[in-house]
Amino acid sequence: MERLVRCIRETSDNALESLSHFTTEAVAEGLAEPHPELAARLLRAMGMRILNAKKSKYYHEALDNFEDAKNCYALANLNQEWLAVVAEVRRAHYRKAGFMSGFERLVAGQSPGRKLSFLDRARKRWLPRGS
């Protein structure tokens, strides 16, 4: 575990962003309690990777990553680092309206809000209550 912690500490944010979420997701979960500052960096990297790749289909996943990162930064008492992430996202991705509305709600301390998929909206509308 200590080698993994040392490796993540020595790795740049850009290098972390290049890693697949298949690699980083489990590691972030495992580090959330013992090393929330490192989990926050991994979660931030996963969110930024989605935004940089312009994968609007996965913006809800990016919001989840940023929400978890915010919580990890708070656990580690790294509010300034969270504010730096917020500033970076606002500066680099302000034109992504589908993402930014949820991100701004997250920053304000509210739930980012999830849009229901077409299938979920149809089920809600057409299935009888209690089904």
C-alpha atoms as a PDB file:
ATOM      1  CA  MET A   1       0.000   0.000   0.000  1.00  0.00           C
ATOM      2  CA  GLU A   2       2.809   2.413   0.858  1.00  0.00           C
ATOM      3  CA  ARG A   3       4.399   1.939  -2.573  1.00  0.00           C
ATOM      4  CA  LEU A   4       1.075   2.781  -4.198  1.00  0.00           C
ATOM      5  CA  VAL A   5       0.684   5.874  -2.007  1.00  0.00           C
ATOM      6  CA  ARG A   6       4.227   7.016  -2.840  1.00  0.00           C
ATOM      7  CA  CYS A   7       3.647   6.411  -6.558  1.00  0.00           C
ATOM      8  CA  ILE A   8       0.452   8.489  -6.602  1.00  0.00           C
ATOM      9  CA  ARG A   9       2.110  11.303  -4.645  1.00  0.00           C
ATOM     10  CA  GLU A  10       4.944  11.424  -7.171  1.00  0.00           C
ATOM     11  CA  THR A  11       2.647  11.366 -10.216  1.00  0.00           C
ATOM     12  CA  SER A  12       1.491  14.604 -11.836  1.00  0.00           C
ATOM     13  CA  ASP A  13      -2.182  15.439 -12.271  1.00  0.00           C
ATOM     14  CA  ASN A  14      -1.804  15.236 -16.058  1.00  0.00           C
ATOM     15  CA  ALA A  15      -0.354  11.744 -15.797  1.00  0.00           C
ATOM     16  CA  LEU A  16      -3.207  10.671 -13.502  1.00  0.00           C
ATOM     17  CA  GLU A  17      -5.715  12.002 -16.044  1.00  0.00           C
ATOM     18  CA  SER A  18      -4.233   9.728 -18.695  1.00  0.00           C
ATOM     19  CA  LEU A  19      -5.051   6.605 -16.657  1.00  0.00           C
ATOM     20  CA  SER A  20      -8.225   4.664 -17.345  1.00  0.00           C
ATOM     21  CA  HIS A  21     -11.044   4.772 -14.804  1.00  0.00           C
ATOM     22  CA  PHE A  22     -10.810   0.974 -14.735  1.00  0.00           C
ATOM     23  CA  THR A  23      -7.436   1.459 -13.087  1.00  0.00           C
ATOM     24  CA  THR A  24      -8.121   4.454 -10.865  1.00  0.00           C
ATOM     25  CA  GLU A  25     -11.681   3.893  -9.655  1.00  0.00           C
ATOM     26  CA  ALA A  26     -10.921   0.948  -7.357  1.00  0.00           C
ATOM     27  CA  VAL A  27      -7.748   2.600  -6.096  1.00  0.00           C
ATOM     28  CA  ALA A  28      -9.636   5.804  -5.239  1.00  0.00           C
ATOM     29  CA  GLU A  29     -12.235   3.821  -3.299  1.00  0.00           C
ATOM     30  CA  GLY A  30      -9.521   2.004  -1.375  1.00  0.00           C
ATOM     31  CA  LEU A  31      -7.672   5.213  -0.526  1.00  0.00           C
ATOM     32  CA  ALA A  32     -10.732   7.302   0.421  1.00  0.00           C
ATOM     33  CA  GLU A  33     -10.499   6.548   4.126  1.00  0.00           C
ATOM     34  CA  PRO A  34      -6.767   6.177   4.858  1.00  0.00           C
ATOM     35  CA  HIS A  35      -5.587   8.812   2.338  1.00  0.00           C
ATOM     36  CA  PRO A  36      -8.479  11.079   1.278  1.00  0.00           C
ATOM     37  CA  GLU A  37      -6.093  13.625  -0.268  1.00  0.00           C
ATOM     38  CA  LEU A  38      -4.871  11.012  -2.765  1.00  0.00           C
ATOM     39  CA  ALA A  39      -8.360   9.688  -3.432  1.00  0.00           C
ATOM     40  CA  ALA A  40      -9.421  13.271  -4.175  1.00  0.00           C
ATOM     41  CA  ARG A  41      -6.642  13.642  -6.749  1.00  0.00           C
ATOM     42  CA  LEU A  42      -7.642  10.394  -8.457  1.00  0.00           C
ATOM     43  CA  LEU A  43     -11.334  11.333  -8.486  1.00  0.00           C
ATOM     44  CA  ARG A  44     -10.493  14.782  -9.852  1.00  0.00           C
ATOM     45  CA  ALA A  45      -8.403  13.152 -12.584  1.00  0.00           C
ATOM     46  CA  MET A  46     -11.262  10.829 -13.557  1.00  0.00           C
ATOM     47  CA  GLY A  47     -13.667  13.773 -13.835  1.00  0.00           C
ATOM     48  CA  MET A  48     -11.209  15.876 -15.821  1.00  0.00           C
ATOM     49  CA  ARG A  49     -10.526  12.977 -18.169  1.00  0.00           C
ATOM     50  CA  ILE A  50     -14.216  12.861 -19.116  1.00  0.00           C
ATOM     51  CA  LEU A  51     -14.394  16.632 -19.589  1.00  0.00           C
ATOM     52  CA  ASN A  52     -11.188  16.833 -21.617  1.00  0.00           C
ATOM     53  CA  ALA A  53     -12.372  14.004 -23.867  1.00  0.00           C
ATOM     54  CA  LYS A  54     -15.662  15.897 -24.425  1.00  0.00           C
ATOM     55  CA  LYS A  55     -17.709  12.812 -23.602  1.00  0.00           C
ATOM     56  CA  SER A  56     -21.040  14.503 -22.880  1.00  0.00           C
ATOM     57  CA  LYS A  57     -22.666  11.098 -22.536  1.00  0.00           C
ATOM     58  CA  TYR A  58     -20.614  10.629 -19.343  1.00  0.00           C
ATOM     59  CA  TYR A  59     -20.943  14.090 -17.790  1.00  0.00           C
ATOM     60  CA  HIS A  60     -23.109  12.600 -15.041  1.00  0.00           C
ATOM     61  CA  GLU A  61     -20.184  10.304 -14.164  1.00  0.00           C
ATOM     62  CA  ALA A  62     -17.856  13.304 -14.094  1.00  0.00           C
ATOM     63  CA  LEU A  63     -20.245  15.053 -11.693  1.00  0.00           C
ATOM     64  CA  ASP A  64     -20.212  11.970  -9.460  1.00  0.00           C
ATOM     65  CA  ASN A  65     -16.399  11.978  -9.536  1.00  0.00           C
ATOM     66  CA  PHE A  66     -16.233  15.665  -8.640  1.00  0.00           C
ATOM     67  CA  GLU A  67     -18.780  15.217  -5.861  1.00  0.00           C
ATOM     68  CA  ASP A  68     -16.700  12.407  -4.352  1.00  0.00           C
ATOM     69  CA  ALA A  69     -13.529  14.476  -4.832  1.00  0.00           C
ATOM     70  CA  LYS A  70     -15.132  17.406  -3.024  1.00  0.00           C
ATOM     71  CA  ASN A  71     -15.969  15.131  -0.093  1.00  0.00           C
ATOM     72  CA  CYS A  72     -12.428  13.727  -0.004  1.00  0.00           C
ATOM     73  CA  TYR A  73     -10.893  17.202  -0.121  1.00  0.00           C
ATOM     74  CA  ALA A  74     -13.137  18.148   2.814  1.00  0.00           C
ATOM     75  CA  LEU A  75     -12.076  15.049   4.772  1.00  0.00           C
ATOM     76  CA  ALA A  76      -8.436  15.939   4.201  1.00  0.00           C
ATOM     77  CA  ASN A  77      -9.032  19.611   5.125  1.00  0.00           C
ATOM     78  CA  LEU A  78      -7.830  20.715   1.684  1.00  0.00           C
ATOM     79  CA  ASN A  79     -10.417  23.357   0.862  1.00  0.00           C
ATOM     80  CA  GLN A  80      -7.924  25.471  -1.113  1.00  0.00           C
ATOM     81  CA  GLU A  81      -7.163  22.533  -3.395  1.00  0.00           C
ATOM     82  CA  TRP A  82     -10.902  22.017  -4.013  1.00  0.00           C
ATOM     83  CA  LEU A  83     -11.267  25.711  -4.857  1.00  0.00           C
ATOM     84  CA  ALA A  84      -8.363  25.366  -7.303  1.00  0.00           C
ATOM     85  CA  VAL A  85     -10.172  22.462  -8.997  1.00  0.00           C
ATOM     86  CA  VAL A  86     -13.346  24.561  -9.194  1.00  0.00           C
ATOM     87  CA  ALA A  87     -11.429  27.444 -10.770  1.00  0.00           C
ATOM     88  CA  GLU A  88      -9.738  25.116 -13.261  1.00  0.00           C
ATOM     89  CA  VAL A  89     -13.039  23.520 -14.325  1.00  0.00           C
ATOM     90  CA  ARG A  90     -14.734  26.896 -14.660  1.00  0.00           C
ATOM     91  CA  ARG A  91     -11.867  28.293 -16.722  1.00  0.00           C
ATOM     92  CA  ALA A  92     -11.398  25.346 -19.056  1.00  0.00           C
ATOM     93  CA  HIS A  93     -14.942  24.016 -19.443  1.00  0.00           C
ATOM     94  CA  TYR A  94     -17.284  27.001 -19.058  1.00  0.00           C
ATOM     95  CA  ARG A  95     -18.861  26.356 -22.471  1.00  0.00           C
ATOM     96  CA  LYS A  96     -20.094  22.863 -21.536  1.00  0.00           C
ATOM     97  CA  ALA A  97     -23.544  23.995 -20.405  1.00  0.00           C
ATOM     98  CA  GLY A  98     -24.830  20.446 -19.934  1.00  0.00           C
ATOM     99  CA  PHE A  99     -22.120  19.856 -17.370  1.00  0.00           C
ATOM    100  CA  MET A 100     -21.621  23.273 -15.800  1.00  0.00           C
ATOM    101  CA  SER A 101     -25.162  23.664 -14.463  1.00  0.00           C
ATOM    102  CA  GLY A 102     -24.763  20.510 -12.369  1.00  0.00           C
ATOM    103  CA  PHE A 103     -21.212  21.452 -11.414  1.00  0.00           C
ATOM    104  CA  GLU A 104     -22.287  24.866 -10.156  1.00  0.00           C
ATOM    105  CA  ARG A 105     -25.008  23.219  -8.054  1.00  0.00           C
ATOM    106  CA  LEU A 106     -22.369  20.877  -6.635  1.00  0.00           C
ATOM    107  CA  VAL A 107     -20.061  23.792  -5.810  1.00  0.00           C
ATOM    108  CA  ALA A 108     -22.960  25.580  -4.097  1.00  0.00           C
ATOM    109  CA  GLY A 109     -23.455  22.561  -1.836  1.00  0.00           C
ATOM    110  CA  GLN A 110     -26.562  21.227  -3.560  1.00  0.00           C
ATOM    111  CA  SER A 111     -27.133  17.940  -5.298  1.00  0.00           C
ATOM    112  CA  PRO A 112     -25.873  18.161  -8.887  1.00  0.00           C
ATOM    113  CA  GLY A 113     -29.244  16.808 -10.028  1.00  0.00           C
ATOM    114  CA  ARG A 114     -29.549  13.965 -12.434  1.00  0.00           C
ATOM    115  CA  LYS A 115     -31.694  13.954 -15.531  1.00  0.00           C
ATOM    116  CA  LEU A 116     -33.727  10.808 -15.920  1.00  0.00           C
ATOM    117  CA  SER A 117     -32.971   8.715 -18.956  1.00  0.00           C
ATOM    118  CA  PHE A 118     -35.640   8.337 -21.617  1.00  0.00           C
ATOM    119  CA  LEU A 119     -36.412   4.825 -20.384  1.00  0.00           C
ATOM    120  CA  ASP A 120     -36.777   5.989 -16.761  1.00  0.00           C
ATOM    121  CA  ARG A 121     -39.025   8.871 -17.817  1.00  0.00           C
ATOM    122  CA  ALA A 122     -41.191   6.460 -19.838  1.00  0.00           C
ATOM    123  CA  ARG A 123     -41.440   4.031 -16.929  1.00  0.00           C
ATOM    124  CA  LYS A 124     -42.399   6.810 -14.573  1.00  0.00           C
ATOM    125  CA  ARG A 125     -45.071   8.040 -16.945  1.00  0.00           C
ATOM    126  CA  TRP A 126     -46.569   4.780 -18.155  1.00  0.00           C
ATOM    127  CA  LEU A 127     -46.145   2.174 -15.431  1.00  0.00           C
ATOM    128  CA  PRO A 128     -48.841   2.144 -12.766  1.00  0.00           C
ATOM    129  CA  ARG A 129     -47.791   3.269  -9.301  1.00  0.00           C
ATOM    130  CA  GLY A 130     -46.432   0.426  -7.197  1.00  0.00           C
ATOM    131  CA  SER A 131     -45.087  -1.526 -10.201  1.00  0.00           C
END
